[in-house]
N, C-alpha and C. Protein backbone atom coordinates (compact mmCIF):
# COMPACT_ATOMS: atom_id res chain seq x y z
N MET A 1 0.85 -1.19 0.00
CA MET A 1 0.00 0.00 0.00
C MET A 1 0.89 1.24 0.00
N ASN A 2 0.54 2.22 -0.83
CA ASN A 2 1.33 3.43 -0.95
C ASN A 2 1.00 4.41 0.17
N ASN A 3 2.02 5.12 0.62
CA ASN A 3 1.87 6.14 1.64
C ASN A 3 1.47 7.45 0.96
N VAL A 4 0.30 8.00 1.27
CA VAL A 4 -0.20 9.23 0.65
C VAL A 4 -0.06 10.38 1.63
N PHE A 5 0.50 11.50 1.13
CA PHE A 5 0.70 12.68 1.98
C PHE A 5 0.79 13.91 1.10
N ALA A 6 0.78 15.09 1.74
CA ALA A 6 0.88 16.36 1.01
C ALA A 6 2.29 16.54 0.49
N LEU A 7 2.41 17.14 -0.68
CA LEU A 7 3.71 17.37 -1.31
C LEU A 7 4.66 18.13 -0.39
N THR A 8 4.15 19.03 0.42
CA THR A 8 4.97 19.82 1.34
C THR A 8 5.81 18.92 2.25
N GLU A 9 5.31 17.73 2.56
CA GLU A 9 5.99 16.82 3.48
C GLU A 9 7.10 16.00 2.82
N LEU A 10 7.24 16.08 1.50
CA LEU A 10 8.27 15.33 0.80
C LEU A 10 9.65 15.86 1.20
N GLU A 11 10.51 14.97 1.62
CA GLU A 11 11.84 15.36 2.08
C GLU A 11 12.75 15.70 0.91
N GLU A 12 13.69 16.57 1.15
CA GLU A 12 14.67 16.97 0.15
C GLU A 12 15.41 15.75 -0.38
N GLY A 13 15.53 15.65 -1.71
CA GLY A 13 16.21 14.53 -2.33
C GLY A 13 15.33 13.31 -2.59
N ARG A 14 14.08 13.36 -2.16
CA ARG A 14 13.16 12.22 -2.34
C ARG A 14 12.24 12.47 -3.52
N ARG A 15 11.72 11.38 -4.07
CA ARG A 15 10.79 11.44 -5.20
C ARG A 15 9.46 10.85 -4.82
N ALA A 16 8.42 11.32 -5.49
CA ALA A 16 7.07 10.81 -5.26
C ALA A 16 6.28 10.93 -6.56
N THR A 17 5.08 10.40 -6.53
CA THR A 17 4.18 10.46 -7.68
C THR A 17 2.93 11.22 -7.31
N VAL A 18 2.53 12.16 -8.17
CA VAL A 18 1.33 12.95 -7.92
C VAL A 18 0.11 12.05 -8.01
N GLY A 19 -0.75 12.14 -7.00
CA GLY A 19 -1.96 11.34 -6.98
C GLY A 19 -3.21 12.15 -7.22
N ARG A 20 -3.25 13.36 -6.62
CA ARG A 20 -4.49 14.14 -6.71
C ARG A 20 -4.23 15.60 -6.36
N LEU A 21 -4.92 16.50 -7.05
CA LEU A 21 -4.89 17.92 -6.73
C LEU A 21 -6.16 18.28 -5.99
N LEU A 22 -6.02 18.89 -4.82
CA LEU A 22 -7.18 19.30 -4.04
C LEU A 22 -7.58 20.74 -4.33
N SER A 23 -6.75 21.47 -5.04
CA SER A 23 -7.03 22.86 -5.38
C SER A 23 -8.09 22.94 -6.46
N ASP A 24 -8.69 24.12 -6.60
CA ASP A 24 -9.62 24.34 -7.70
C ASP A 24 -9.40 25.73 -8.29
N GLY A 25 -10.12 26.03 -9.33
CA GLY A 25 -10.03 27.34 -9.95
C GLY A 25 -8.71 27.58 -10.66
N ALA A 26 -8.26 28.83 -10.62
CA ALA A 26 -7.07 29.26 -11.35
C ALA A 26 -5.81 28.55 -10.88
N ILE A 27 -5.67 28.32 -9.59
CA ILE A 27 -4.46 27.67 -9.11
C ILE A 27 -4.40 26.22 -9.57
N ARG A 28 -5.53 25.54 -9.63
CA ARG A 28 -5.55 24.17 -10.14
C ARG A 28 -5.08 24.14 -11.60
N ARG A 29 -5.58 25.08 -12.38
CA ARG A 29 -5.21 25.16 -13.79
C ARG A 29 -3.71 25.44 -13.93
N ARG A 30 -3.18 26.33 -13.10
CA ARG A 30 -1.75 26.66 -13.14
C ARG A 30 -0.91 25.43 -12.82
N LEU A 31 -1.31 24.69 -11.79
CA LEU A 31 -0.57 23.48 -11.41
C LEU A 31 -0.60 22.44 -12.54
N GLN A 32 -1.74 22.30 -13.17
CA GLN A 32 -1.85 21.37 -14.30
C GLN A 32 -0.99 21.83 -15.47
N ASP A 33 -0.94 23.13 -15.71
CA ASP A 33 -0.15 23.68 -16.80
C ASP A 33 1.35 23.43 -16.62
N ILE A 34 1.82 23.38 -15.37
CA ILE A 34 3.25 23.11 -15.16
C ILE A 34 3.54 21.61 -15.08
N GLY A 35 2.52 20.79 -15.33
CA GLY A 35 2.73 19.35 -15.42
C GLY A 35 2.31 18.54 -14.22
N LEU A 36 1.67 19.15 -13.27
CA LEU A 36 1.24 18.40 -12.08
C LEU A 36 -0.12 17.75 -12.32
N ILE A 37 -0.05 16.57 -12.93
CA ILE A 37 -1.24 15.78 -13.16
C ILE A 37 -1.00 14.39 -12.57
N GLU A 38 -2.05 13.64 -12.41
CA GLU A 38 -1.95 12.31 -11.80
C GLU A 38 -0.90 11.47 -12.53
N GLY A 39 -0.01 10.86 -11.76
CA GLY A 39 1.02 10.00 -12.31
C GLY A 39 2.36 10.67 -12.56
N THR A 40 2.42 11.99 -12.46
CA THR A 40 3.67 12.72 -12.69
C THR A 40 4.65 12.46 -11.55
N ARG A 41 5.90 12.15 -11.91
CA ARG A 41 6.96 11.99 -10.91
C ARG A 41 7.49 13.36 -10.55
N ILE A 42 7.74 13.58 -9.27
CA ILE A 42 8.20 14.87 -8.77
C ILE A 42 9.29 14.63 -7.73
N GLU A 43 10.29 15.49 -7.73
CA GLU A 43 11.40 15.36 -6.78
C GLU A 43 11.59 16.67 -6.04
N CYS A 44 11.73 16.59 -4.73
CA CYS A 44 12.03 17.77 -3.92
C CYS A 44 13.53 17.99 -4.01
N ILE A 45 13.94 19.11 -4.61
CA ILE A 45 15.38 19.31 -4.77
C ILE A 45 15.98 20.32 -3.80
N MET A 46 15.15 21.23 -3.24
CA MET A 46 15.71 22.17 -2.28
C MET A 46 14.61 22.89 -1.51
N LYS A 47 14.79 22.96 -0.20
CA LYS A 47 13.88 23.73 0.65
C LYS A 47 14.60 24.99 1.07
N SER A 48 13.91 26.11 1.02
CA SER A 48 14.53 27.36 1.46
C SER A 48 14.77 27.30 2.97
N PRO A 49 15.66 28.13 3.50
CA PRO A 49 15.97 28.09 4.93
C PRO A 49 14.74 28.18 5.83
N GLY A 50 13.75 28.96 5.42
CA GLY A 50 12.53 29.08 6.20
C GLY A 50 11.51 28.01 5.87
N GLY A 51 11.79 27.18 4.86
CA GLY A 51 10.88 26.11 4.48
C GLY A 51 9.82 26.50 3.47
N ASP A 52 9.81 27.74 3.03
CA ASP A 52 8.79 28.20 2.08
C ASP A 52 9.39 29.29 1.21
N PRO A 53 9.48 29.15 -0.10
CA PRO A 53 8.96 28.07 -0.93
C PRO A 53 9.92 26.87 -0.99
N ILE A 54 9.46 25.86 -1.72
CA ILE A 54 10.26 24.65 -1.92
C ILE A 54 10.42 24.45 -3.43
N ALA A 55 11.63 24.07 -3.86
CA ALA A 55 11.89 23.83 -5.27
C ALA A 55 11.72 22.34 -5.59
N TYR A 56 10.99 22.09 -6.67
CA TYR A 56 10.72 20.72 -7.11
C TYR A 56 11.15 20.55 -8.56
N LEU A 57 11.59 19.35 -8.90
CA LEU A 57 11.88 19.01 -10.29
C LEU A 57 10.63 18.33 -10.84
N ILE A 58 10.02 18.98 -11.83
CA ILE A 58 8.77 18.50 -12.41
C ILE A 58 8.95 18.42 -13.92
N ARG A 59 8.96 17.23 -14.47
CA ARG A 59 9.08 17.03 -15.92
C ARG A 59 10.26 17.79 -16.51
N GLY A 60 11.39 17.77 -15.82
CA GLY A 60 12.61 18.38 -16.33
C GLY A 60 12.78 19.85 -16.02
N ALA A 61 11.82 20.46 -15.36
CA ALA A 61 11.90 21.89 -15.02
C ALA A 61 11.89 22.05 -13.50
N VAL A 62 12.67 23.01 -13.01
CA VAL A 62 12.68 23.31 -11.58
C VAL A 62 11.61 24.37 -11.32
N ILE A 63 10.67 24.04 -10.44
CA ILE A 63 9.55 24.91 -10.12
C ILE A 63 9.52 25.12 -8.61
N ALA A 64 9.42 26.38 -8.17
CA ALA A 64 9.27 26.68 -6.74
C ALA A 64 7.79 26.87 -6.44
N LEU A 65 7.31 26.15 -5.43
CA LEU A 65 5.91 26.26 -5.01
C LEU A 65 5.83 26.71 -3.56
N ARG A 66 4.85 27.55 -3.30
CA ARG A 66 4.58 27.96 -1.92
C ARG A 66 3.91 26.80 -1.19
N ASN A 67 4.12 26.76 0.11
CA ASN A 67 3.52 25.68 0.91
C ASN A 67 2.00 25.67 0.81
N GLU A 68 1.38 26.84 0.72
CA GLU A 68 -0.08 26.87 0.65
C GLU A 68 -0.59 26.19 -0.61
N ASP A 69 0.23 26.15 -1.66
CA ASP A 69 -0.15 25.45 -2.89
C ASP A 69 0.22 23.98 -2.82
N SER A 70 1.42 23.67 -2.34
CA SER A 70 1.85 22.26 -2.32
C SER A 70 1.14 21.45 -1.24
N ASP A 71 0.54 22.12 -0.25
CA ASP A 71 -0.27 21.42 0.76
C ASP A 71 -1.50 20.77 0.12
N ASN A 72 -1.91 21.27 -1.05
CA ASN A 72 -3.10 20.77 -1.74
C ASN A 72 -2.79 19.78 -2.86
N ILE A 73 -1.56 19.27 -2.86
CA ILE A 73 -1.16 18.28 -3.84
C ILE A 73 -0.83 16.99 -3.08
N LEU A 74 -1.60 15.95 -3.33
CA LEU A 74 -1.37 14.68 -2.66
C LEU A 74 -0.44 13.82 -3.52
N VAL A 75 0.57 13.26 -2.88
CA VAL A 75 1.55 12.41 -3.57
C VAL A 75 1.70 11.09 -2.81
N SER A 76 2.32 10.14 -3.48
CA SER A 76 2.62 8.86 -2.83
C SER A 76 4.02 8.42 -3.23
N VAL A 77 4.62 7.60 -2.36
CA VAL A 77 5.97 7.09 -2.65
C VAL A 77 5.91 5.62 -2.95
């Protein structure tokens, strides 16, 4: 059984698979546009000293997401 949790909880250097977006409206569309759809592999590559934002490798691009956005992305390992 896969462990499901919010993307914010993914540790630096670890990879996970996107399972579900809990956001709606414009932010949901933005997340989908940058490649965050079900089944996408994502890697946490760097957390800022304060922990917000966090940089992720998504489909070959480095994207920084705020915690309020990544809290609404469910992933599994």
